[in-house]
Amino acid sequence: MNTFNLKETTALLHSYGFKCDTEMVSHWISEGNIKSTENGGAYEVLEEEVYRFIEAYRLEGTAFEEGIDDQTMIGRLLEEITDLKKQIVKLQEEKAELEDQLGIMPF
C-alpha cells in the first residue's frame, strides 16, 4: 500500500492527464475530494485514494456519478439515449449518401 506526499500525488495525477498543480491538489485534499492523513503538517495520500478520485472525476456529470439520486441518473441516461439515436440517424444518412456516390443500390 503506497502512500504519496503532495508532489507525488500531483505527479501521479499528471501521469493520468490531469492538468493541475500542487495548489489545486491541496485544494482537492482540503475539500475532501482526495482523502488523506496529515503527518507533521504534510499530507499523506494512499494510492487507492488517488485512483478513487480519478474514477470519480471521470464519472462526474455522467449517469454513474457517485452520490446522485435515481431520478438524476435516469434523466442522464435518457439524455444519452436521445443523443445516441440522433447519431444513428446521422450515420444512416451519411451511409446512404456514400452509397449513392458509389452507385450501390440499397437491399
N, C-alpha and C. Protein backbone atom coordinates (compact mmCIF):
# COMPACT_ATOMS: atom_id res chain seq x y z
N MET A 1 0.85 -1.17 0.00
CA MET A 1 0.00 0.00 0.00
C MET A 1 0.90 1.24 0.00
N ASN A 2 1.00 1.89 -1.14
CA ASN A 2 1.86 3.07 -1.27
C ASN A 2 1.17 4.31 -0.75
N THR A 3 1.95 5.19 -0.17
CA THR A 3 1.45 6.50 0.21
C THR A 3 2.28 7.55 -0.52
N PHE A 4 1.62 8.65 -0.85
CA PHE A 4 2.26 9.72 -1.59
C PHE A 4 2.17 11.03 -0.84
N ASN A 5 3.19 11.86 -1.01
CA ASN A 5 3.10 13.21 -0.50
C ASN A 5 2.40 14.07 -1.56
N LEU A 6 2.31 15.36 -1.32
CA LEU A 6 1.59 16.25 -2.22
C LEU A 6 2.20 16.28 -3.62
N LYS A 7 3.51 16.38 -3.70
CA LYS A 7 4.19 16.41 -5.00
C LYS A 7 4.01 15.10 -5.76
N GLU A 8 4.13 13.99 -5.07
CA GLU A 8 3.97 12.68 -5.71
C GLU A 8 2.53 12.47 -6.18
N THR A 9 1.58 12.92 -5.38
CA THR A 9 0.17 12.82 -5.77
C THR A 9 -0.08 13.64 -7.03
N THR A 10 0.48 14.84 -7.08
CA THR A 10 0.34 15.70 -8.26
C THR A 10 0.98 15.03 -9.47
N ALA A 11 2.15 14.45 -9.30
CA ALA A 11 2.83 13.77 -10.41
C ALA A 11 2.01 12.59 -10.92
N LEU A 12 1.40 11.83 -10.01
CA LEU A 12 0.56 10.70 -10.42
C LEU A 12 -0.65 11.19 -11.21
N LEU A 13 -1.26 12.26 -10.75
CA LEU A 13 -2.40 12.83 -11.48
C LEU A 13 -1.96 13.32 -12.86
N HIS A 14 -0.79 13.92 -12.95
CA HIS A 14 -0.25 14.35 -14.25
C HIS A 14 -0.10 13.16 -15.19
N SER A 15 0.35 12.03 -14.65
CA SER A 15 0.55 10.84 -15.49
C SER A 15 -0.77 10.32 -16.06
N TYR A 16 -1.90 10.71 -15.44
CA TYR A 16 -3.22 10.33 -15.94
C TYR A 16 -3.88 11.46 -16.73
N GLY A 17 -3.10 12.49 -17.07
CA GLY A 17 -3.59 13.55 -17.93
C GLY A 17 -4.23 14.73 -17.23
N PHE A 18 -4.18 14.78 -15.92
CA PHE A 18 -4.75 15.92 -15.19
C PHE A 18 -3.82 17.11 -15.33
N LYS A 19 -4.40 18.24 -15.62
CA LYS A 19 -3.64 19.49 -15.67
C LYS A 19 -3.89 20.20 -14.34
N CYS A 20 -2.98 19.98 -13.40
CA CYS A 20 -3.14 20.54 -12.07
C CYS A 20 -1.77 20.83 -11.48
N ASP A 21 -1.78 21.65 -10.45
CA ASP A 21 -0.54 21.92 -9.73
C ASP A 21 -0.74 21.49 -8.27
N THR A 22 0.30 21.61 -7.48
CA THR A 22 0.21 21.16 -6.09
C THR A 22 -0.83 21.96 -5.31
N GLU A 23 -1.02 23.21 -5.69
CA GLU A 23 -2.02 24.03 -5.01
C GLU A 23 -3.43 23.49 -5.25
N MET A 24 -3.71 23.09 -6.50
CA MET A 24 -5.02 22.54 -6.83
C MET A 24 -5.23 21.20 -6.12
N VAL A 25 -4.20 20.37 -6.10
CA VAL A 25 -4.30 19.07 -5.43
C VAL A 25 -4.51 19.29 -3.93
N SER A 26 -3.82 20.26 -3.37
CA SER A 26 -4.00 20.60 -1.95
C SER A 26 -5.44 21.03 -1.69
N HIS A 27 -6.01 21.79 -2.62
CA HIS A 27 -7.40 22.23 -2.51
C HIS A 27 -8.35 21.02 -2.53
N TRP A 28 -8.11 20.09 -3.47
CA TRP A 28 -8.94 18.88 -3.54
C TRP A 28 -8.84 18.08 -2.25
N ILE A 29 -7.65 18.03 -1.68
CA ILE A 29 -7.46 17.31 -0.42
C ILE A 29 -8.21 18.01 0.71
N SER A 30 -8.07 19.33 0.79
CA SER A 30 -8.73 20.05 1.87
C SER A 30 -10.26 20.00 1.75
N GLU A 31 -10.78 19.89 0.53
CA GLU A 31 -12.22 19.75 0.33
C GLU A 31 -12.71 18.34 0.63
N GLY A 32 -11.78 17.39 0.73
CA GLY A 32 -12.15 16.01 0.98
C GLY A 32 -12.36 15.19 -0.28
N ASN A 33 -12.08 15.78 -1.44
CA ASN A 33 -12.22 15.03 -2.70
C ASN A 33 -11.17 13.94 -2.82
N ILE A 34 -9.99 14.23 -2.29
CA ILE A 34 -8.94 13.21 -2.19
C ILE A 34 -8.69 13.03 -0.69
N LYS A 35 -9.00 11.86 -0.19
CA LYS A 35 -8.84 11.61 1.24
C LYS A 35 -7.36 11.42 1.57
N SER A 36 -6.98 11.97 2.70
CA SER A 36 -5.58 11.88 3.11
C SER A 36 -5.50 11.92 4.63
N THR A 37 -4.29 11.71 5.10
CA THR A 37 -3.99 11.90 6.52
C THR A 37 -2.90 12.95 6.59
N GLU A 38 -2.87 13.65 7.70
CA GLU A 38 -1.85 14.68 7.87
C GLU A 38 -0.81 14.14 8.86
N ASN A 39 0.43 14.24 8.44
CA ASN A 39 1.52 13.73 9.27
C ASN A 39 2.58 14.82 9.39
N GLY A 40 2.62 15.46 10.52
CA GLY A 40 3.61 16.52 10.75
C GLY A 40 3.42 17.70 9.81
N GLY A 41 2.19 18.03 9.50
CA GLY A 41 1.91 19.17 8.63
C GLY A 41 1.96 18.85 7.15
N ALA A 42 2.29 17.61 6.80
CA ALA A 42 2.34 17.21 5.39
C ALA A 42 1.24 16.18 5.12
N TYR A 43 0.70 16.24 3.93
CA TYR A 43 -0.35 15.29 3.55
C TYR A 43 0.26 13.96 3.14
N GLU A 44 -0.41 12.88 3.52
CA GLU A 44 -0.07 11.54 3.05
C GLU A 44 -1.33 10.97 2.41
N VAL A 45 -1.22 10.60 1.15
CA VAL A 45 -2.37 10.12 0.38
C VAL A 45 -2.11 8.67 -0.01
N LEU A 46 -3.08 7.81 0.28
CA LEU A 46 -2.97 6.42 -0.14
C LEU A 46 -3.17 6.33 -1.65
N GLU A 47 -2.43 5.43 -2.27
CA GLU A 47 -2.52 5.25 -3.72
C GLU A 47 -3.95 4.96 -4.16
N GLU A 48 -4.66 4.11 -3.40
CA GLU A 48 -6.04 3.78 -3.75
C GLU A 48 -6.94 5.01 -3.78
N GLU A 49 -6.66 5.96 -2.88
CA GLU A 49 -7.46 7.18 -2.83
C GLU A 49 -7.27 8.03 -4.09
N VAL A 50 -6.05 8.05 -4.62
CA VAL A 50 -5.81 8.78 -5.87
C VAL A 50 -6.60 8.14 -6.99
N TYR A 51 -6.57 6.81 -7.07
CA TYR A 51 -7.30 6.11 -8.12
C TYR A 51 -8.81 6.27 -7.95
N ARG A 52 -9.29 6.29 -6.70
CA ARG A 52 -10.71 6.52 -6.45
C ARG A 52 -11.11 7.91 -6.93
N PHE A 53 -10.26 8.90 -6.67
CA PHE A 53 -10.53 10.27 -7.11
C PHE A 53 -10.56 10.34 -8.64
N ILE A 54 -9.61 9.69 -9.29
CA ILE A 54 -9.56 9.71 -10.76
C ILE A 54 -10.84 9.11 -11.33
N GLU A 55 -11.29 8.00 -10.78
CA GLU A 55 -12.51 7.35 -11.27
C GLU A 55 -13.73 8.23 -11.02
N ALA A 56 -13.83 8.82 -9.83
CA ALA A 56 -14.96 9.70 -9.52
C ALA A 56 -14.97 10.92 -10.43
N TYR A 57 -13.79 11.47 -10.71
CA TYR A 57 -13.67 12.63 -11.59
C TYR A 57 -14.09 12.28 -13.01
N ARG A 58 -13.69 11.07 -13.46
CA ARG A 58 -14.03 10.61 -14.80
C ARG A 58 -15.54 10.42 -14.98
N LEU A 59 -16.20 9.99 -13.92
CA LEU A 59 -17.64 9.72 -13.99
C LEU A 59 -18.50 10.94 -13.68
N GLU A 60 -17.89 12.03 -13.25
CA GLU A 60 -18.63 13.24 -12.90
C GLU A 60 -19.42 13.75 -14.10
N GLY A 61 -20.69 14.02 -13.88
CA GLY A 61 -21.55 14.53 -14.95
C GLY A 61 -22.22 13.43 -15.76
N THR A 62 -21.87 12.17 -15.48
CA THR A 62 -22.50 11.05 -16.19
C THR A 62 -23.59 10.45 -15.30
N ALA A 63 -24.27 9.46 -15.84
CA ALA A 63 -25.31 8.78 -15.08
C ALA A 63 -24.73 7.95 -13.94
N PHE A 64 -23.43 7.73 -13.96
CA PHE A 64 -22.80 6.87 -12.96
C PHE A 64 -22.00 7.65 -11.92
N GLU A 65 -22.24 8.94 -11.86
CA GLU A 65 -21.57 9.80 -10.87
C GLU A 65 -21.94 9.35 -9.46
N GLU A 66 -20.96 9.37 -8.58
CA GLU A 66 -21.20 8.99 -7.19
C GLU A 66 -22.18 9.96 -6.54
N GLY A 67 -23.10 9.41 -5.76
CA GLY A 67 -23.95 10.25 -4.92
C GLY A 67 -25.15 10.88 -5.58
N ILE A 68 -25.43 10.59 -6.85
CA ILE A 68 -26.61 11.18 -7.47
C ILE A 68 -27.82 10.30 -7.19
N ASP A 69 -29.00 10.92 -7.21
CA ASP A 69 -30.21 10.14 -6.95
C ASP A 69 -30.68 9.43 -8.22
N ASP A 70 -31.61 8.51 -8.05
CA ASP A 70 -32.10 7.71 -9.17
C ASP A 70 -32.74 8.57 -10.26
N GLN A 71 -33.44 9.60 -9.86
CA GLN A 71 -34.11 10.49 -10.83
C GLN A 71 -33.09 11.15 -11.75
N THR A 72 -32.01 11.64 -11.18
CA THR A 72 -30.95 12.28 -11.96
C THR A 72 -30.28 11.25 -12.87
N MET A 73 -30.03 10.06 -12.35
CA MET A 73 -29.41 9.01 -13.14
C MET A 73 -30.28 8.67 -14.36
N ILE A 74 -31.56 8.49 -14.14
CA ILE A 74 -32.48 8.15 -15.22
C ILE A 74 -32.53 9.27 -16.24
N GLY A 75 -32.57 10.51 -15.78
CA GLY A 75 -32.59 11.66 -16.69
C GLY A 75 -31.35 11.71 -17.56
N ARG A 76 -30.20 11.46 -16.97
CA ARG A 76 -28.94 11.47 -17.73
C ARG A 76 -28.89 10.31 -18.73
N LEU A 77 -29.39 9.14 -18.33
CA LEU A 77 -29.42 8.01 -19.25
C LEU A 77 -30.36 8.27 -20.42
N LEU A 78 -31.52 8.87 -20.15
CA LEU A 78 -32.45 9.19 -21.23
C LEU A 78 -31.86 10.22 -22.19
N GLU A 79 -31.13 11.17 -21.65
CA GLU A 79 -30.45 12.17 -22.49
C GLU A 79 -29.41 11.50 -23.38
N GLU A 80 -28.67 10.57 -22.81
CA GLU A 80 -27.65 9.84 -23.57
C GLU A 80 -28.30 9.01 -24.68
N ILE A 81 -29.43 8.38 -24.38
CA ILE A 81 -30.14 7.59 -25.38
C ILE A 81 -30.60 8.48 -26.53
N THR A 82 -31.13 9.65 -26.21
CA THR A 82 -31.57 10.60 -27.24
C THR A 82 -30.40 11.00 -28.13
N ASP A 83 -29.26 11.31 -27.53
CA ASP A 83 -28.07 11.69 -28.30
C ASP A 83 -27.61 10.55 -29.20
N LEU A 84 -27.64 9.33 -28.69
CA LEU A 84 -27.22 8.18 -29.49
C LEU A 84 -28.17 7.93 -30.66
N LYS A 85 -29.45 8.12 -30.43
CA LYS A 85 -30.41 7.96 -31.53
C LYS A 85 -30.17 8.99 -32.63
N LYS A 86 -29.83 10.22 -32.24
CA LYS A 86 -29.52 11.25 -33.23
C LYS A 86 -28.27 10.88 -34.02
N GLN A 87 -27.28 10.32 -33.34
CA GLN A 87 -26.06 9.89 -34.03
C GLN A 87 -26.35 8.77 -35.02
N ILE A 88 -27.24 7.86 -34.66
CA ILE A 88 -27.61 6.76 -35.54
C ILE A 88 -28.25 7.30 -36.81
N VAL A 89 -29.18 8.24 -36.66
CA VAL A 89 -29.85 8.82 -37.83
C VAL A 89 -28.82 9.51 -38.72
N LYS A 90 -27.93 10.28 -38.13
CA LYS A 90 -26.90 10.99 -38.89
C LYS A 90 -26.01 10.01 -39.65
N LEU A 91 -25.60 8.94 -39.00
CA LEU A 91 -24.75 7.94 -39.64
C LEU A 91 -25.49 7.19 -40.75
N GLN A 92 -26.76 6.92 -40.55
CA GLN A 92 -27.55 6.26 -41.59
C GLN A 92 -27.67 7.16 -42.83
N GLU A 93 -27.86 8.46 -42.59
CA GLU A 93 -27.94 9.41 -43.71
C GLU A 93 -26.60 9.48 -44.44
N GLU A 94 -25.53 9.54 -43.68
CA GLU A 94 -24.19 9.59 -44.27
C GLU A 94 -23.90 8.32 -45.08
N LYS A 95 -24.30 7.19 -44.55
CA LYS A 95 -24.11 5.91 -45.24
C LYS A 95 -24.88 5.89 -46.56
N ALA A 96 -26.14 6.34 -46.53
CA ALA A 96 -26.96 6.36 -47.74
C ALA A 96 -26.35 7.29 -48.79
N GLU A 97 -25.83 8.43 -48.34
CA GLU A 97 -25.20 9.39 -49.26
C GLU A 97 -23.95 8.77 -49.91
N LEU A 98 -23.15 8.10 -49.13
CA LEU A 98 -21.95 7.46 -49.66
C LEU A 98 -22.30 6.32 -50.62
N GLU A 99 -23.33 5.57 -50.31
CA GLU A 99 -23.78 4.51 -51.21
C GLU A 99 -24.26 5.09 -52.53
N ASP A 100 -24.96 6.23 -52.48
CA ASP A 100 -25.40 6.91 -53.70
C ASP A 100 -24.20 7.33 -54.54
N GLN A 101 -23.17 7.88 -53.90
CA GLN A 101 -21.98 8.33 -54.61
C GLN A 101 -21.26 7.15 -55.27
N LEU A 102 -21.30 5.99 -54.65
CA LEU A 102 -20.63 4.81 -55.18
C LEU A 102 -21.53 4.01 -56.14
N GLY A 103 -22.80 4.39 -56.21
CA GLY A 103 -23.74 3.70 -57.08
C GLY A 103 -24.17 2.37 -56.52
N ILE A 104 -24.13 2.22 -55.22
CA ILE A 104 -24.56 0.97 -54.57
C ILE A 104 -26.04 1.06 -54.31
N MET A 105 -26.76 0.05 -54.77
CA MET A 105 -28.21 0.03 -54.55
C MET A 105 -28.49 -0.55 -53.15
N PRO A 106 -29.44 0.05 -52.46
CA PRO A 106 -29.79 -0.50 -51.13
C PRO A 106 -30.52 -1.83 -51.29
N PHE A 107 -30.40 -2.68 -50.30
CA PHE A 107 -31.05 -4.00 -50.35
C PHE A 107 -32.52 -3.89 -50.12
